[in-house]
Amino acid sequence: MKDNSGGIRVLQTATFATWLDGLRDPIAQARIALRIRRVELGNLGDWKQLDGRVFELRIHHGPGYRLYFAWHGAQLVLLLAGGDKSSQRRDLAAARVLLHRIGDLT
């Protein structure tokens, strides 16, 4: 369990930001923005660890949006990539590649 007492800093990769900006559903964009804000406040909601260092936030709207992220310490979340249930395998692979390229963040 992460210590959320001081809030969580959320950073986005360019890949994630491009995906989010490209969504055609303004309600989905708003829900995702709200979810990111909730994460900053320490409320991750529906999430799970997928493997090693990659996790997903699930958003139950439309096609079932997924936000792939990694923790860095207890207070930083790095949003790697986004997608929906239909592109989950491809999106997860992209998130793993991004995390590998970024490395340790130190």
N, C-alpha and C. Protein backbone atom coordinates (compact mmCIF):
# COMPACT_ATOMS: atom_id res chain seq x y z
N MET A 1 0.84 -1.19 0.00
CA MET A 1 0.00 0.00 0.00
C MET A 1 0.88 1.24 0.00
N LYS A 2 0.55 2.18 -0.81
CA LYS A 2 1.32 3.41 -0.91
C LYS A 2 0.85 4.41 0.14
N ASP A 3 1.78 5.19 0.68
CA ASP A 3 1.44 6.25 1.62
C ASP A 3 0.98 7.47 0.83
N ASN A 4 -0.30 7.78 0.92
CA ASN A 4 -0.87 8.87 0.13
C ASN A 4 -1.12 10.13 0.96
N SER A 5 -0.56 10.20 2.16
CA SER A 5 -0.88 11.31 3.06
C SER A 5 -0.46 12.67 2.50
N GLY A 6 0.58 12.72 1.70
CA GLY A 6 1.04 14.00 1.18
C GLY A 6 0.61 14.27 -0.24
N GLY A 7 -0.29 13.49 -0.78
CA GLY A 7 -0.68 13.64 -2.17
C GLY A 7 0.28 12.91 -3.08
N ILE A 8 -0.12 12.74 -4.31
CA ILE A 8 0.68 12.01 -5.29
C ILE A 8 0.93 12.91 -6.48
N ARG A 9 2.15 12.98 -6.89
CA ARG A 9 2.52 13.74 -8.09
C ARG A 9 2.31 12.83 -9.30
N VAL A 10 1.62 13.33 -10.30
CA VAL A 10 1.34 12.55 -11.51
C VAL A 10 2.01 13.22 -12.70
N LEU A 11 2.83 12.47 -13.41
CA LEU A 11 3.48 12.93 -14.62
C LEU A 11 2.95 12.12 -15.80
N GLN A 12 2.95 12.72 -16.98
CA GLN A 12 2.47 12.05 -18.18
C GLN A 12 3.58 11.98 -19.22
N THR A 13 3.70 10.83 -19.87
CA THR A 13 4.60 10.75 -21.02
C THR A 13 3.94 11.46 -22.19
N ALA A 14 4.73 11.80 -23.19
CA ALA A 14 4.17 12.39 -24.41
C ALA A 14 3.21 11.42 -25.08
N THR A 15 3.51 10.13 -25.00
CA THR A 15 2.64 9.10 -25.58
C THR A 15 1.26 9.15 -24.94
N PHE A 16 1.23 9.25 -23.61
CA PHE A 16 -0.05 9.31 -22.90
C PHE A 16 -0.80 10.59 -23.26
N ALA A 17 -0.11 11.72 -23.22
CA ALA A 17 -0.75 13.01 -23.51
C ALA A 17 -1.33 13.04 -24.92
N THR A 18 -0.60 12.49 -25.88
CA THR A 18 -1.09 12.44 -27.26
C THR A 18 -2.33 11.57 -27.36
N TRP A 19 -2.31 10.43 -26.69
CA TRP A 19 -3.48 9.54 -26.69
C TRP A 19 -4.69 10.26 -26.10
N LEU A 20 -4.51 10.89 -24.94
CA LEU A 20 -5.62 11.56 -24.28
C LEU A 20 -6.16 12.71 -25.13
N ASP A 21 -5.29 13.51 -25.70
CA ASP A 21 -5.73 14.62 -26.56
C ASP A 21 -6.46 14.13 -27.80
N GLY A 22 -6.14 12.92 -28.25
CA GLY A 22 -6.75 12.38 -29.45
C GLY A 22 -8.09 11.70 -29.26
N LEU A 23 -8.52 11.56 -28.01
CA LEU A 23 -9.83 10.94 -27.77
C LEU A 23 -10.93 11.82 -28.33
N ARG A 24 -11.86 11.21 -29.02
CA ARG A 24 -12.96 11.97 -29.63
C ARG A 24 -14.14 12.16 -28.68
N ASP A 25 -14.14 11.43 -27.60
CA ASP A 25 -15.25 11.46 -26.64
C ASP A 25 -14.92 12.47 -25.54
N PRO A 26 -15.55 13.66 -25.55
CA PRO A 26 -15.23 14.66 -24.53
C PRO A 26 -15.61 14.21 -23.12
N ILE A 27 -16.62 13.37 -23.00
CA ILE A 27 -16.99 12.86 -21.68
C ILE A 27 -15.89 11.94 -21.16
N ALA A 28 -15.35 11.11 -22.03
CA ALA A 28 -14.24 10.24 -21.64
C ALA A 28 -13.04 11.07 -21.21
N GLN A 29 -12.71 12.10 -21.98
CA GLN A 29 -11.59 12.97 -21.61
C GLN A 29 -11.81 13.58 -20.23
N ALA A 30 -13.02 14.03 -19.97
CA ALA A 30 -13.34 14.64 -18.67
C ALA A 30 -13.23 13.62 -17.55
N ARG A 31 -13.73 12.41 -17.78
CA ARG A 31 -13.65 11.37 -16.75
C ARG A 31 -12.21 10.97 -16.47
N ILE A 32 -11.40 10.91 -17.51
CA ILE A 32 -9.99 10.57 -17.32
C ILE A 32 -9.28 11.69 -16.57
N ALA A 33 -9.55 12.94 -16.92
CA ALA A 33 -8.96 14.08 -16.20
C ALA A 33 -9.36 14.05 -14.73
N LEU A 34 -10.63 13.74 -14.46
CA LEU A 34 -11.10 13.65 -13.08
C LEU A 34 -10.40 12.51 -12.35
N ARG A 35 -10.22 11.40 -13.04
CA ARG A 35 -9.54 10.26 -12.42
C ARG A 35 -8.10 10.61 -12.08
N ILE A 36 -7.43 11.31 -12.97
CA ILE A 36 -6.06 11.73 -12.69
C ILE A 36 -6.03 12.64 -11.47
N ARG A 37 -6.99 13.54 -11.37
CA ARG A 37 -7.06 14.42 -10.19
C ARG A 37 -7.28 13.62 -8.91
N ARG A 38 -8.14 12.60 -8.98
CA ARG A 38 -8.37 11.75 -7.81
C ARG A 38 -7.10 11.01 -7.41
N VAL A 39 -6.32 10.57 -8.39
CA VAL A 39 -5.04 9.92 -8.09
C VAL A 39 -4.13 10.90 -7.36
N GLU A 40 -4.08 12.14 -7.83
CA GLU A 40 -3.26 13.16 -7.17
C GLU A 40 -3.66 13.35 -5.71
N LEU A 41 -4.93 13.13 -5.42
CA LEU A 41 -5.43 13.27 -4.05
C LEU A 41 -5.27 11.99 -3.24
N GLY A 42 -4.72 10.95 -3.88
CA GLY A 42 -4.46 9.70 -3.17
C GLY A 42 -5.50 8.62 -3.35
N ASN A 43 -6.51 8.85 -4.19
CA ASN A 43 -7.58 7.88 -4.41
C ASN A 43 -7.40 7.26 -5.80
N LEU A 44 -6.79 6.09 -5.86
CA LEU A 44 -6.54 5.46 -7.15
C LEU A 44 -7.77 4.78 -7.73
N GLY A 45 -8.75 4.45 -6.91
CA GLY A 45 -9.95 3.79 -7.41
C GLY A 45 -9.65 2.38 -7.89
N ASP A 46 -10.21 1.99 -9.04
CA ASP A 46 -10.08 0.65 -9.59
C ASP A 46 -8.75 0.53 -10.33
N TRP A 47 -7.81 -0.20 -9.75
CA TRP A 47 -6.49 -0.36 -10.34
C TRP A 47 -5.95 -1.73 -9.98
N LYS A 48 -4.95 -2.18 -10.73
CA LYS A 48 -4.29 -3.44 -10.38
C LYS A 48 -2.90 -3.47 -10.99
N GLN A 49 -2.06 -4.31 -10.39
CA GLN A 49 -0.72 -4.53 -10.91
C GLN A 49 -0.81 -5.57 -12.02
N LEU A 50 -0.21 -5.27 -13.16
CA LEU A 50 -0.25 -6.20 -14.29
C LEU A 50 0.99 -7.08 -14.32
N ASP A 51 2.12 -6.50 -14.09
CA ASP A 51 3.37 -7.25 -14.01
C ASP A 51 4.43 -6.35 -13.40
N GLY A 52 5.47 -6.90 -12.91
CA GLY A 52 6.59 -6.14 -12.39
C GLY A 52 6.27 -4.74 -11.94
N ARG A 53 6.50 -3.77 -12.82
CA ARG A 53 6.34 -2.36 -12.45
C ARG A 53 5.20 -1.67 -13.18
N VAL A 54 4.45 -2.38 -14.01
CA VAL A 54 3.37 -1.75 -14.77
C VAL A 54 2.02 -2.06 -14.11
N PHE A 55 1.24 -1.00 -13.93
CA PHE A 55 -0.08 -1.09 -13.31
C PHE A 55 -1.10 -0.50 -14.28
N GLU A 56 -2.38 -0.76 -14.01
CA GLU A 56 -3.41 -0.13 -14.83
C GLU A 56 -4.50 0.45 -13.95
N LEU A 57 -4.98 1.62 -14.36
CA LEU A 57 -6.19 2.22 -13.80
C LEU A 57 -7.30 1.90 -14.79
N ARG A 58 -8.42 1.38 -14.30
CA ARG A 58 -9.53 1.05 -15.18
C ARG A 58 -10.62 2.10 -15.03
N ILE A 59 -11.13 2.53 -16.17
CA ILE A 59 -12.20 3.53 -16.19
C ILE A 59 -13.39 2.89 -16.89
N HIS A 60 -14.47 2.76 -16.15
CA HIS A 60 -15.66 2.08 -16.65
C HIS A 60 -16.56 3.06 -17.39
N HIS A 61 -16.14 3.39 -18.59
CA HIS A 61 -16.90 4.29 -19.46
C HIS A 61 -16.59 3.89 -20.89
N GLY A 62 -17.57 3.96 -21.75
CA GLY A 62 -17.36 3.64 -23.16
C GLY A 62 -16.78 2.25 -23.34
N PRO A 63 -15.68 2.15 -24.08
CA PRO A 63 -15.10 0.84 -24.37
C PRO A 63 -14.26 0.27 -23.23
N GLY A 64 -14.23 0.93 -22.08
CA GLY A 64 -13.43 0.45 -20.95
C GLY A 64 -12.00 0.95 -21.05
N TYR A 65 -11.80 2.22 -20.74
CA TYR A 65 -10.49 2.84 -20.88
C TYR A 65 -9.51 2.31 -19.84
N ARG A 66 -8.24 2.23 -20.24
CA ARG A 66 -7.16 1.78 -19.38
C ARG A 66 -6.05 2.83 -19.41
N LEU A 67 -5.53 3.16 -18.23
CA LEU A 67 -4.40 4.07 -18.10
C LEU A 67 -3.26 3.26 -17.50
N TYR A 68 -2.17 3.12 -18.21
CA TYR A 68 -1.04 2.32 -17.76
C TYR A 68 -0.02 3.22 -17.08
N PHE A 69 0.43 2.80 -15.89
CA PHE A 69 1.31 3.67 -15.11
C PHE A 69 2.34 2.86 -14.35
N ALA A 70 3.32 3.58 -13.82
CA ALA A 70 4.35 3.01 -12.97
C ALA A 70 4.53 3.92 -11.76
N TRP A 71 4.83 3.31 -10.64
CA TRP A 71 5.18 4.07 -9.44
C TRP A 71 6.67 4.38 -9.47
N HIS A 72 7.01 5.52 -8.93
CA HIS A 72 8.41 5.83 -8.63
C HIS A 72 8.40 6.29 -7.19
N GLY A 73 8.85 5.45 -6.30
CA GLY A 73 8.72 5.74 -4.88
C GLY A 73 7.26 5.64 -4.48
N ALA A 74 6.91 6.30 -3.40
CA ALA A 74 5.54 6.23 -2.89
C ALA A 74 4.69 7.42 -3.32
N GLN A 75 5.29 8.44 -3.91
CA GLN A 75 4.55 9.68 -4.15
C GLN A 75 4.54 10.15 -5.60
N LEU A 76 4.98 9.32 -6.54
CA LEU A 76 5.02 9.74 -7.93
C LEU A 76 4.44 8.65 -8.82
N VAL A 77 3.49 9.03 -9.64
CA VAL A 77 2.91 8.13 -10.63
C VAL A 77 3.27 8.67 -12.01
N LEU A 78 3.79 7.80 -12.86
CA LEU A 78 4.11 8.17 -14.23
C LEU A 78 3.12 7.48 -15.15
N LEU A 79 2.25 8.28 -15.79
CA LEU A 79 1.30 7.73 -16.76
C LEU A 79 2.05 7.44 -18.05
N LEU A 80 2.09 6.18 -18.43
CA LEU A 80 2.89 5.74 -19.57
C LEU A 80 2.11 5.76 -20.87
N ALA A 81 0.93 5.16 -20.87
CA ALA A 81 0.15 5.00 -22.10
C ALA A 81 -1.31 4.83 -21.72
N GLY A 82 -2.17 4.94 -22.71
CA GLY A 82 -3.60 4.75 -22.49
C GLY A 82 -4.19 3.97 -23.64
N GLY A 83 -5.38 3.45 -23.41
CA GLY A 83 -6.08 2.71 -24.45
C GLY A 83 -7.42 2.24 -23.92
N ASP A 84 -7.96 1.23 -24.57
CA ASP A 84 -9.21 0.65 -24.08
C ASP A 84 -9.09 -0.86 -24.10
N LYS A 85 -10.14 -1.51 -23.67
CA LYS A 85 -10.11 -2.97 -23.53
C LYS A 85 -9.72 -3.65 -24.84
N SER A 86 -10.17 -3.12 -25.97
CA SER A 86 -9.91 -3.78 -27.25
C SER A 86 -8.44 -3.72 -27.67
N SER A 87 -7.70 -2.74 -27.18
CA SER A 87 -6.29 -2.60 -27.57
C SER A 87 -5.35 -2.89 -26.40
N GLN A 88 -5.86 -3.58 -25.40
CA GLN A 88 -5.14 -3.77 -24.14
C GLN A 88 -3.75 -4.40 -24.32
N ARG A 89 -3.66 -5.46 -25.10
CA ARG A 89 -2.35 -6.13 -25.28
C ARG A 89 -1.32 -5.19 -25.91
N ARG A 90 -1.72 -4.52 -26.94
CA ARG A 90 -0.83 -3.59 -27.65
C ARG A 90 -0.43 -2.42 -26.73
N ASP A 91 -1.40 -1.89 -26.00
CA ASP A 91 -1.13 -0.75 -25.11
C ASP A 91 -0.20 -1.14 -23.97
N LEU A 92 -0.41 -2.32 -23.41
CA LEU A 92 0.45 -2.80 -22.33
C LEU A 92 1.88 -2.99 -22.84
N ALA A 93 2.02 -3.54 -24.03
CA ALA A 93 3.36 -3.70 -24.62
C ALA A 93 4.03 -2.34 -24.80
N ALA A 94 3.29 -1.35 -25.27
CA ALA A 94 3.84 0.00 -25.44
C ALA A 94 4.25 0.59 -24.10
N ALA A 95 3.45 0.37 -23.06
CA ALA A 95 3.77 0.88 -21.73
C ALA A 95 5.06 0.25 -21.21
N ARG A 96 5.22 -1.05 -21.44
CA ARG A 96 6.45 -1.73 -21.00
C ARG A 96 7.68 -1.15 -21.71
N VAL A 97 7.56 -0.93 -23.01
CA VAL A 97 8.67 -0.36 -23.78
C VAL A 97 9.02 1.03 -23.26
N LEU A 98 8.00 1.86 -23.03
CA LEU A 98 8.25 3.21 -22.52
C LEU A 98 8.94 3.17 -21.17
N LEU A 99 8.46 2.31 -20.28
CA LEU A 99 9.06 2.22 -18.96
C LEU A 99 10.51 1.77 -19.07
N HIS A 100 10.79 0.83 -19.94
CA HIS A 100 12.16 0.37 -20.14
C HIS A 100 13.05 1.51 -20.65
N ARG A 101 12.53 2.29 -21.59
CA ARG A 101 13.30 3.42 -22.15
C ARG A 101 13.56 4.49 -21.10
N ILE A 102 12.56 4.74 -20.27
CA ILE A 102 12.69 5.77 -19.24
C ILE A 102 13.67 5.32 -18.17
N GLY A 103 13.63 4.04 -17.85
CA GLY A 103 14.56 3.49 -16.87
C GLY A 103 14.13 3.77 -15.46
N ASP A 104 15.09 4.10 -14.63
CA ASP A 104 14.88 4.19 -13.19
C ASP A 104 14.35 5.53 -12.73
N LEU A 105 14.30 6.53 -13.57
CA LEU A 105 13.82 7.88 -13.21
C LEU A 105 14.68 8.57 -12.16
N THR A 106 15.89 8.10 -11.95
CA THR A 106 16.72 8.74 -10.92
C THR A 106 17.69 9.71 -11.53
